């Protein structure tokens, strides 16, 4: 039993999701939206993610207009959904 039953729903966010917890919440019928792209095998969850492709394209266009020609991505070596999207 958890206190989430008193809420109509939840917004959940975090850098690293515990997929088993998200699957359990979905199985329990708790309404939630995850902030950030998350996929849980065998379970359909609602999430809101950023449009990294469009944002990155605009940034690169601006940098090219300023004369930059070489770019790199610095990020974590682990690839969760948000890092893969970027």
PDB file of N, CA and C in Angstrom:
ATOM      1  N   UNK A   1       0.857  -1.182   0.000  1.00  0.00           N
ATOM      2  CA  UNK A   1       0.000   0.000   0.000  1.00  0.00           C
ATOM      3  C   UNK A   1       0.899   1.241   0.000  1.00  0.00           C
ATOM      4  N   UNK A   2       0.544   2.229  -0.805  1.00  0.00           N
ATOM      5  CA  UNK A   2       1.309   3.465  -0.786  1.00  0.00           C
ATOM      6  C   UNK A   2       0.352   4.651  -0.793  1.00  0.00           C
ATOM      7  N   UNK A   3       0.883   5.802  -0.492  1.00  0.00           N
ATOM      8  CA  UNK A   3       0.080   7.013  -0.386  1.00  0.00           C
ATOM      9  C   UNK A   3      -0.373   7.583  -1.716  1.00  0.00           C
ATOM     10  N   UNK A   4       0.110   7.027  -2.830  1.00  0.00           N
ATOM     11  CA  UNK A   4      -0.267   7.560  -4.134  1.00  0.00           C
ATOM     12  C   UNK A   4      -1.756   7.357  -4.425  1.00  0.00           C
ATOM     13  N   UNK A   5      -2.376   6.406  -3.758  1.00  0.00           N
ATOM     14  CA  UNK A   5      -3.796   6.162  -3.969  1.00  0.00           C
ATOM     15  C   UNK A   5      -4.664   7.348  -3.604  1.00  0.00           C
ATOM     16  N   UNK A   6      -4.138   8.268  -2.842  1.00  0.00           N
ATOM     17  CA  UNK A   6      -4.894   9.458  -2.444  1.00  0.00           C
ATOM     18  C   UNK A   6      -4.842  10.544  -3.513  1.00  0.00           C
ATOM     19  N   UNK A   7      -3.975  10.386  -4.500  1.00  0.00           N
ATOM     20  CA  UNK A   7      -3.815  11.392  -5.550  1.00  0.00           C
ATOM     21  C   UNK A   7      -4.565  10.966  -6.807  1.00  0.00           C
ATOM     22  N   UNK A   8      -5.053  11.945  -7.549  1.00  0.00           N
ATOM     23  CA  UNK A   8      -5.730  11.657  -8.814  1.00  0.00           C
ATOM     24  C   UNK A   8      -4.721  11.224  -9.885  1.00  0.00           C
ATOM     25  N   UNK A   9      -3.481  11.605  -9.712  1.00  0.00           N
ATOM     26  CA  UNK A   9      -2.435  11.269 -10.658  1.00  0.00           C
ATOM     27  C   UNK A   9      -1.127  11.884 -10.213  1.00  0.00           C
ATOM     28  N   UNK A  10      -0.086  11.610 -10.976  1.00  0.00           N
ATOM     29  CA  UNK A  10       1.242  12.102 -10.604  1.00  0.00           C
ATOM     30  C   UNK A  10       2.041  12.509 -11.834  1.00  0.00           C
ATOM     31  N   UNK A  11       2.923  13.474 -11.637  1.00  0.00           N
ATOM     32  CA  UNK A  11       3.978  13.790 -12.586  1.00  0.00           C
ATOM     33  C   UNK A  11       5.246  13.221 -11.997  1.00  0.00           C
ATOM     34  N   UNK A  12       5.949  12.429 -12.764  1.00  0.00           N
ATOM     35  CA  UNK A  12       7.157  11.779 -12.261  1.00  0.00           C
ATOM     36  C   UNK A  12       8.329  12.215 -13.122  1.00  0.00           C
ATOM     37  N   UNK A  13       9.421  12.581 -12.483  1.00  0.00           N
ATOM     38  CA  UNK A  13      10.612  12.936 -13.221  1.00  0.00           C
ATOM     39  C   UNK A  13      11.831  12.425 -12.475  1.00  0.00           C
ATOM     40  N   UNK A  14      12.877  12.271 -13.211  1.00  0.00           N
ATOM     41  CA  UNK A  14      14.120  11.811 -12.627  1.00  0.00           C
ATOM     42  C   UNK A  14      15.105  11.473 -13.719  1.00  0.00           C
ATOM     43  N   UNK A  15      16.349  11.504 -13.364  1.00  0.00           N
ATOM     44  CA  UNK A  15      17.393  11.251 -14.362  1.00  0.00           C
ATOM     45  C   UNK A  15      17.408   9.780 -14.775  1.00  0.00           C
ATOM     46  N   UNK A  16      17.285   8.902 -13.802  1.00  0.00           N
ATOM     47  CA  UNK A  16      17.274   7.462 -14.080  1.00  0.00           C
ATOM     48  C   UNK A  16      15.986   6.874 -13.524  1.00  0.00           C
ATOM     49  N   UNK A  17      15.178   6.328 -14.393  1.00  0.00           N
ATOM     50  CA  UNK A  17      13.907   5.749 -13.980  1.00  0.00           C
ATOM     51  C   UNK A  17      14.111   4.315 -13.512  1.00  0.00           C
ATOM     52  N   UNK A  18      13.359   3.933 -12.514  1.00  0.00           N
ATOM     53  CA  UNK A  18      13.309   2.535 -12.088  1.00  0.00           C
ATOM     54  C   UNK A  18      12.135   1.911 -12.832  1.00  0.00           C
ATOM     55  N   UNK A  19      12.443   1.215 -13.917  1.00  0.00           N
ATOM     56  CA  UNK A  19      11.409   0.722 -14.808  1.00  0.00           C
ATOM     57  C   UNK A  19      10.440  -0.224 -14.114  1.00  0.00           C
ATOM     58  N   UNK A  20      10.939  -1.011 -13.153  1.00  0.00           N
ATOM     59  CA  UNK A  20      10.034  -1.914 -12.440  1.00  0.00           C
ATOM     60  C   UNK A  20       9.018  -1.138 -11.602  1.00  0.00           C
ATOM     61  N   UNK A  21       9.424  -0.005 -11.042  1.00  0.00           N
ATOM     62  CA  UNK A  21       8.486   0.841 -10.289  1.00  0.00           C
ATOM     63  C   UNK A  21       7.435   1.445 -11.213  1.00  0.00           C
ATOM     64  N   UNK A  22       7.857   1.896 -12.395  1.00  0.00           N
ATOM     65  CA  UNK A  22       6.906   2.457 -13.349  1.00  0.00           C
ATOM     66  C   UNK A  22       5.927   1.388 -13.821  1.00  0.00           C
ATOM     67  N   UNK A  23       6.419   0.185 -14.058  1.00  0.00           N
ATOM     68  CA  UNK A  23       5.548  -0.911 -14.480  1.00  0.00           C
ATOM     69  C   UNK A  23       4.530  -1.240 -13.387  1.00  0.00           C
ATOM     70  N   UNK A  24       4.974  -1.222 -12.132  1.00  0.00           N
ATOM     71  CA  UNK A  24       4.065  -1.518 -11.021  1.00  0.00           C
ATOM     72  C   UNK A  24       2.994  -0.444 -10.894  1.00  0.00           C
ATOM     73  N   UNK A  25       3.386   0.827 -11.018  1.00  0.00           N
ATOM     74  CA  UNK A  25       2.407   1.906 -10.963  1.00  0.00           C
ATOM     75  C   UNK A  25       1.355   1.749 -12.066  1.00  0.00           C
ATOM     76  N   UNK A  26       1.819   1.431 -13.269  1.00  0.00           N
ATOM     77  CA  UNK A  26       0.892   1.246 -14.384  1.00  0.00           C
ATOM     78  C   UNK A  26      -0.031   0.057 -14.122  1.00  0.00           C
ATOM     79  N   UNK A  27       0.525  -1.039 -13.615  1.00  0.00           N
ATOM     80  CA  UNK A  27      -0.281  -2.229 -13.326  1.00  0.00           C
ATOM     81  C   UNK A  27      -1.302  -1.960 -12.223  1.00  0.00           C
ATOM     82  N   UNK A  28      -0.944  -1.097 -11.288  1.00  0.00           N
ATOM     83  CA  UNK A  28      -1.864  -0.733 -10.197  1.00  0.00           C
ATOM     84  C   UNK A  28      -2.947   0.237 -10.664  1.00  0.00           C
ATOM     85  N   UNK A  29      -2.833   0.730 -11.904  1.00  0.00           N
ATOM     86  CA  UNK A  29      -3.829   1.653 -12.441  1.00  0.00           C
ATOM     87  C   UNK A  29      -3.636   3.090 -12.005  1.00  0.00           C
ATOM     88  N   UNK A  30      -2.471   3.408 -11.432  1.00  0.00           N
ATOM     89  CA  UNK A  30      -2.215   4.789 -11.023  1.00  0.00           C
ATOM     90  C   UNK A  30      -1.938   5.632 -12.263  1.00  0.00           C
ATOM     91  N   UNK A  31      -2.623   6.749 -12.394  1.00  0.00           N
ATOM     92  CA  UNK A  31      -2.433   7.653 -13.528  1.00  0.00           C
ATOM     93  C   UNK A  31      -1.169   8.489 -13.304  1.00  0.00           C
ATOM     94  N   UNK A  32      -0.269   8.480 -14.286  1.00  0.00           N
ATOM     95  CA  UNK A  32       0.937   9.298 -14.164  1.00  0.00           C
ATOM     96  C   UNK A  32       1.470   9.641 -15.542  1.00  0.00           C
ATOM     97  N   UNK A  33       2.249  10.705 -15.582  1.00  0.00           N
ATOM     98  CA  UNK A  33       2.981  11.109 -16.777  1.00  0.00           C
ATOM     99  C   UNK A  33       4.434  11.263 -16.351  1.00  0.00           C
ATOM    100  N   UNK A  34       5.332  10.639 -17.084  1.00  0.00           N
ATOM    101  CA  UNK A  34       6.755  10.749 -16.806  1.00  0.00           C
ATOM    102  C   UNK A  34       7.296  11.936 -17.605  1.00  0.00           C
ATOM    103  N   UNK A  35       8.031  12.796 -16.951  1.00  0.00           N
ATOM    104  CA  UNK A  35       8.651  13.936 -17.624  1.00  0.00           C
ATOM    105  C   UNK A  35      10.001  13.458 -18.141  1.00  0.00           C
ATOM    106  N   UNK A  36      10.091  13.281 -19.442  1.00  0.00           N
ATOM    107  CA  UNK A  36      11.273  12.720 -20.085  1.00  0.00           C
ATOM    108  C   UNK A  36      10.890  11.422 -20.782  1.00  0.00           C
ATOM    109  N   UNK A  37      11.520  11.132 -21.873  1.00  0.00           N
ATOM    110  CA  UNK A  37      11.222   9.937 -22.662  1.00  0.00           C
ATOM    111  C   UNK A  37      11.577   8.682 -21.866  1.00  0.00           C
ATOM    112  N   UNK A  38      10.592   7.848 -21.658  1.00  0.00           N
ATOM    113  CA  UNK A  38      10.808   6.573 -20.977  1.00  0.00           C
ATOM    114  C   UNK A  38       9.984   5.508 -21.658  1.00  0.00           C
ATOM    115  N   UNK A  39      10.577   4.346 -21.842  1.00  0.00           N
ATOM    116  CA  UNK A  39       9.868   3.190 -22.375  1.00  0.00           C
ATOM    117  C   UNK A  39      10.036   2.047 -21.386  1.00  0.00           C
ATOM    118  N   UNK A  40       8.921   1.406 -21.078  1.00  0.00           N
ATOM    119  CA  UNK A  40       8.917   0.283 -20.149  1.00  0.00           C
ATOM    120  C   UNK A  40       8.486  -0.946 -20.943  1.00  0.00           C
ATOM    121  N   UNK A  41       9.356  -1.951 -21.059  1.00  0.00           N
ATOM    122  CA  UNK A  41       9.003  -3.135 -21.845  1.00  0.00           C
ATOM    123  C   UNK A  41       7.693  -3.769 -21.358  1.00  0.00           C
ATOM    124  N   UNK A  42       6.791  -3.990 -22.312  1.00  0.00           N
ATOM    125  CA  UNK A  42       5.526  -4.644 -22.008  1.00  0.00           C
ATOM    126  C   UNK A  42       4.457  -3.750 -21.406  1.00  0.00           C
ATOM    127  N   UNK A  43       4.775  -2.471 -21.185  1.00  0.00           N
ATOM    128  CA  UNK A  43       3.827  -1.541 -20.568  1.00  0.00           C
ATOM    129  C   UNK A  43       3.824  -0.246 -21.370  1.00  0.00           C
ATOM    130  N   UNK A  44       2.634   0.272 -21.628  1.00  0.00           N
ATOM    131  CA  UNK A  44       2.544   1.559 -22.300  1.00  0.00           C
ATOM    132  C   UNK A  44       2.365   2.646 -21.248  1.00  0.00           C
ATOM    133  N   UNK A  45       3.321   3.566 -21.182  1.00  0.00           N
ATOM    134  CA  UNK A  45       3.219   4.665 -20.223  1.00  0.00           C
ATOM    135  C   UNK A  45       3.174   5.986 -20.978  1.00  0.00           C
ATOM    136  N   UNK A  46       2.619   6.988 -20.335  1.00  0.00           N
ATOM    137  CA  UNK A  46       2.578   8.334 -20.908  1.00  0.00           C
ATOM    138  C   UNK A  46       3.832   9.090 -20.494  1.00  0.00           C
ATOM    139  N   UNK A  47       4.437   9.768 -21.443  1.00  0.00           N
ATOM    140  CA  UNK A  47       5.599  10.592 -21.128  1.00  0.00           C
ATOM    141  C   UNK A  47       5.577  11.832 -22.004  1.00  0.00           C
ATOM    142  N   UNK A  48       6.278  12.838 -21.556  1.00  0.00           N
ATOM    143  CA  UNK A  48       6.464  14.067 -22.313  1.00  0.00           C
ATOM    144  C   UNK A  48       7.967  14.251 -22.477  1.00  0.00           C
ATOM    145  N   UNK A  49       8.419  14.343 -23.712  1.00  0.00           N
ATOM    146  CA  UNK A  49       9.840  14.502 -23.972  1.00  0.00           C
ATOM    147  C   UNK A  49      10.119  15.748 -24.787  1.00  0.00           C
ATOM    148  N   UNK A  50      11.357  16.163 -24.761  1.00  0.00           N
ATOM    149  CA  UNK A  50      11.763  17.340 -25.524  1.00  0.00           C
ATOM    150  C   UNK A  50      11.992  17.001 -26.986  1.00  0.00           C
ATOM    151  N   UNK A  51      11.863  17.998 -27.834  1.00  0.00           N
ATOM    152  CA  UNK A  51      12.147  17.837 -29.257  1.00  0.00           C
ATOM    153  C   UNK A  51      13.619  18.172 -29.471  1.00  0.00           C
ATOM    154  N   UNK A  52      14.480  17.250 -29.074  1.00  0.00           N
ATOM    155  CA  UNK A  52      15.921  17.486 -29.126  1.00  0.00           C
ATOM    156  C   UNK A  52      16.420  17.690 -30.553  1.00  0.00           C
ATOM    157  N   UNK A  53      15.823  16.993 -31.505  1.00  0.00           N
ATOM    158  CA  UNK A  53      16.286  17.099 -32.888  1.00  0.00           C
ATOM    159  C   UNK A  53      16.114  18.524 -33.415  1.00  0.00           C
ATOM    160  N   UNK A  54      14.934  19.086 -33.222  1.00  0.00           N
ATOM    161  CA  UNK A  54      14.678  20.453 -33.706  1.00  0.00           C
ATOM    162  C   UNK A  54      15.526  21.471 -32.953  1.00  0.00           C
ATOM    163  N   UNK A  55      15.622  21.312 -31.633  1.00  0.00           N
ATOM    164  CA  UNK A  55      16.400  22.261 -30.831  1.00  0.00           C
ATOM    165  C   UNK A  55      17.878  22.205 -31.214  1.00  0.00           C
ATOM    166  N   UNK A  56      18.408  20.999 -31.383  1.00  0.00           N
ATOM    167  CA  UNK A  56      19.808  20.850 -31.763  1.00  0.00           C
ATOM    168  C   UNK A  56      20.055  21.444 -33.143  1.00  0.00           C
ATOM    169  N   UNK A  57      19.120  21.222 -34.060  1.00  0.00           N
ATOM    170  CA  UNK A  57      19.261  21.785 -35.403  1.00  0.00           C
ATOM    171  C   UNK A  57      19.334  23.298 -35.383  1.00  0.00           C
ATOM    172  N   UNK A  58      18.482  23.927 -34.578  1.00  0.00           N
ATOM    173  CA  UNK A  58      18.508  25.397 -34.494  1.00  0.00           C
ATOM    174  C   UNK A  58      19.821  25.889 -33.887  1.00  0.00           C
ATOM    175  N   UNK A  59      20.285  25.207 -32.862  1.00  0.00           N
ATOM    176  CA  UNK A  59      21.544  25.611 -32.224  1.00  0.00           C
ATOM    177  C   UNK A  59      22.709  25.474 -33.204  1.00  0.00           C
ATOM    178  N   UNK A  60      22.767  24.342 -33.915  1.00  0.00           N
ATOM    179  CA  UNK A  60      23.848  24.133 -34.884  1.00  0.00           C
ATOM    180  C   UNK A  60      23.777  25.180 -35.989  1.00  0.00           C
ATOM    181  N   UNK A  61      22.572  25.474 -36.485  1.00  0.00           N
ATOM    182  CA  UNK A  61      22.434  26.520 -37.510  1.00  0.00           C
ATOM    183  C   UNK A  61      22.984  27.855 -37.015  1.00  0.00           C
ATOM    184  N   UNK A  62      22.654  28.210 -35.764  1.00  0.00           N
ATOM    185  CA  UNK A  62      23.158  29.471 -35.196  1.00  0.00           C
ATOM    186  C   UNK A  62      24.674  29.456 -35.082  1.00  0.00           C
ATOM    187  N   UNK A  63      25.242  28.333 -34.640  1.00  0.00           N
ATOM    188  CA  UNK A  63      26.690  28.243 -34.483  1.00  0.00           C
ATOM    189  C   UNK A  63      27.405  28.285 -35.838  1.00  0.00           C
ATOM    190  N   UNK A  64      26.830  27.637 -36.855  1.00  0.00           N
ATOM    191  CA  UNK A  64      27.408  27.683 -38.206  1.00  0.00           C
ATOM    192  C   UNK A  64      27.386  29.122 -38.724  1.00  0.00           C
ATOM    193  N   UNK A  65      26.282  29.817 -38.468  1.00  0.00           N
ATOM    194  CA  UNK A  65      26.181  31.220 -38.894  1.00  0.00           C
ATOM    195  C   UNK A  65      27.242  32.084 -38.226  1.00  0.00           C
ATOM    196  N   UNK A  66      27.687  31.677 -37.043  1.00  0.00           N
ATOM    197  CA  UNK A  66      28.737  32.415 -36.335  1.00  0.00           C
ATOM    198  C   UNK A  66      30.137  31.975 -36.760  1.00  0.00           C
ATOM    199  N   UNK A  67      30.222  30.970 -37.666  1.00  0.00           N
ATOM    200  CA  UNK A  67      31.520  30.560 -38.190  1.00  0.00           C
ATOM    201  C   UNK A  67      32.061  29.248 -37.642  1.00  0.00           C
ATOM    202  N   UNK A  68      31.370  28.622 -36.739  1.00  0.00           N
ATOM    203  CA  UNK A  68      31.847  27.338 -36.195  1.00  0.00           C
ATOM    204  C   UNK A  68      31.671  26.230 -37.224  1.00  0.00           C
ATOM    205  N   UNK A  69      32.613  25.292 -37.245  1.00  0.00           N
ATOM    206  CA  UNK A  69      32.563  24.201 -38.223  1.00  0.00           C
ATOM    207  C   UNK A  69      32.725  22.823 -37.604  1.00  0.00           C
ATOM    208  N   UNK A  70      33.182  22.735 -36.375  1.00  0.00           N
ATOM    209  CA  UNK A  70      33.368  21.437 -35.720  1.00  0.00           C
ATOM    210  C   UNK A  70      32.512  21.398 -34.459  1.00  0.00           C
ATOM    211  N   UNK A  71      31.885  20.240 -34.223  1.00  0.00           N
ATOM    212  CA  UNK A  71      30.991  20.091 -33.081  1.00  0.00           C
ATOM    213  C   UNK A  71      31.225  18.744 -32.424  1.00  0.00           C
ATOM    214  N   UNK A  72      30.946  18.678 -31.147  1.00  0.00           N
ATOM    215  CA  UNK A  72      31.034  17.420 -30.417  1.00  0.00           C
ATOM    216  C   UNK A  72      29.913  17.355 -29.397  1.00  0.00           C
ATOM    217  N   UNK A  73      29.582  16.151 -28.984  1.00  0.00           N
ATOM    218  CA  UNK A  73      28.571  15.947 -27.948  1.00  0.00           C
ATOM    219  C   UNK A  73      29.265  15.361 -26.734  1.00  0.00           C
ATOM    220  N   UNK A  74      29.128  16.021 -25.614  1.00  0.00           N
ATOM    221  CA  UNK A  74      29.703  15.542 -24.366  1.00  0.00           C
ATOM    222  C   UNK A  74      28.553  15.096 -23.481  1.00  0.00           C
ATOM    223  N   UNK A  75      28.539  13.829 -23.142  1.00  0.00           N
ATOM    224  CA  UNK A  75      27.452  13.300 -22.320  1.00  0.00           C
ATOM    225  C   UNK A  75      27.895  12.039 -21.613  1.00  0.00           C
ATOM    226  N   UNK A  76      26.981  11.477 -20.869  1.00  0.00           N
ATOM    227  CA  UNK A  76      27.281  10.255 -20.135  1.00  0.00           C
ATOM    228  C   UNK A  76      27.462   9.084 -21.091  1.00  0.00           C
ATOM    229  N   UNK A  77      28.251   8.112 -20.665  1.00  0.00           N
ATOM    230  CA  UNK A  77      28.457   6.936 -21.506  1.00  0.00           C
ATOM    231  C   UNK A  77      27.236   6.019 -21.488  1.00  0.00           C
ATOM    232  N   UNK A  78      26.452   6.041 -20.404  1.00  0.00           N
ATOM    233  CA  UNK A  78      25.234   5.236 -20.372  1.00  0.00           C
ATOM    234  C   UNK A  78      24.176   5.922 -21.234  1.00  0.00           C
ATOM    235  N   UNK A  79      23.392   5.134 -21.911  1.00  0.00           N
ATOM    236  CA  UNK A  79      22.405   5.675 -22.842  1.00  0.00           C
ATOM    237  C   UNK A  79      20.998   5.260 -22.443  1.00  0.00           C
ATOM    238  N   UNK A  80      20.360   6.113 -21.679  1.00  0.00           N
ATOM    239  CA  UNK A  80      18.941   5.948 -21.400  1.00  0.00           C
ATOM    240  C   UNK A  80      18.200   6.657 -22.523  1.00  0.00           C
ATOM    241  N   UNK A  81      16.893   6.583 -22.553  1.00  0.00           N
ATOM    242  CA  UNK A  81      16.132   7.164 -23.657  1.00  0.00           C
ATOM    243  C   UNK A  81      16.476   8.632 -23.924  1.00  0.00           C
ATOM    244  N   UNK A  82      16.547   9.501 -22.915  1.00  0.00           N
ATOM    245  CA  UNK A  82      16.846  10.913 -23.215  1.00  0.00           C
ATOM    246  C   UNK A  82      18.219  11.105 -23.871  1.00  0.00           C
ATOM    247  N   UNK A  83      19.220  10.375 -23.410  1.00  0.00           N
ATOM    248  CA  UNK A  83      20.549  10.523 -23.998  1.00  0.00           C
ATOM    249  C   UNK A  83      20.551  10.002 -25.438  1.00  0.00           C
ATOM    250  N   UNK A  84      19.855   8.933 -25.708  1.00  0.00           N
ATOM    251  CA  UNK A  84      19.786   8.410 -27.065  1.00  0.00           C
ATOM    252  C   UNK A  84      19.041   9.390 -27.968  1.00  0.00           C
ATOM    253  N   UNK A  85      17.999  10.036 -27.448  1.00  0.00           N
ATOM    254  CA  UNK A  85      17.259  11.026 -28.230  1.00  0.00           C
ATOM    255  C   UNK A  85      18.146  12.205 -28.611  1.00  0.00           C
ATOM    256  N   UNK A  86      19.029  12.604 -27.709  1.00  0.00           N
ATOM    257  CA  UNK A  86      19.900  13.745 -27.990  1.00  0.00           C
ATOM    258  C   UNK A  86      20.911  13.387 -29.039  1.00  0.00           C
TER     259      UNK A  86
END
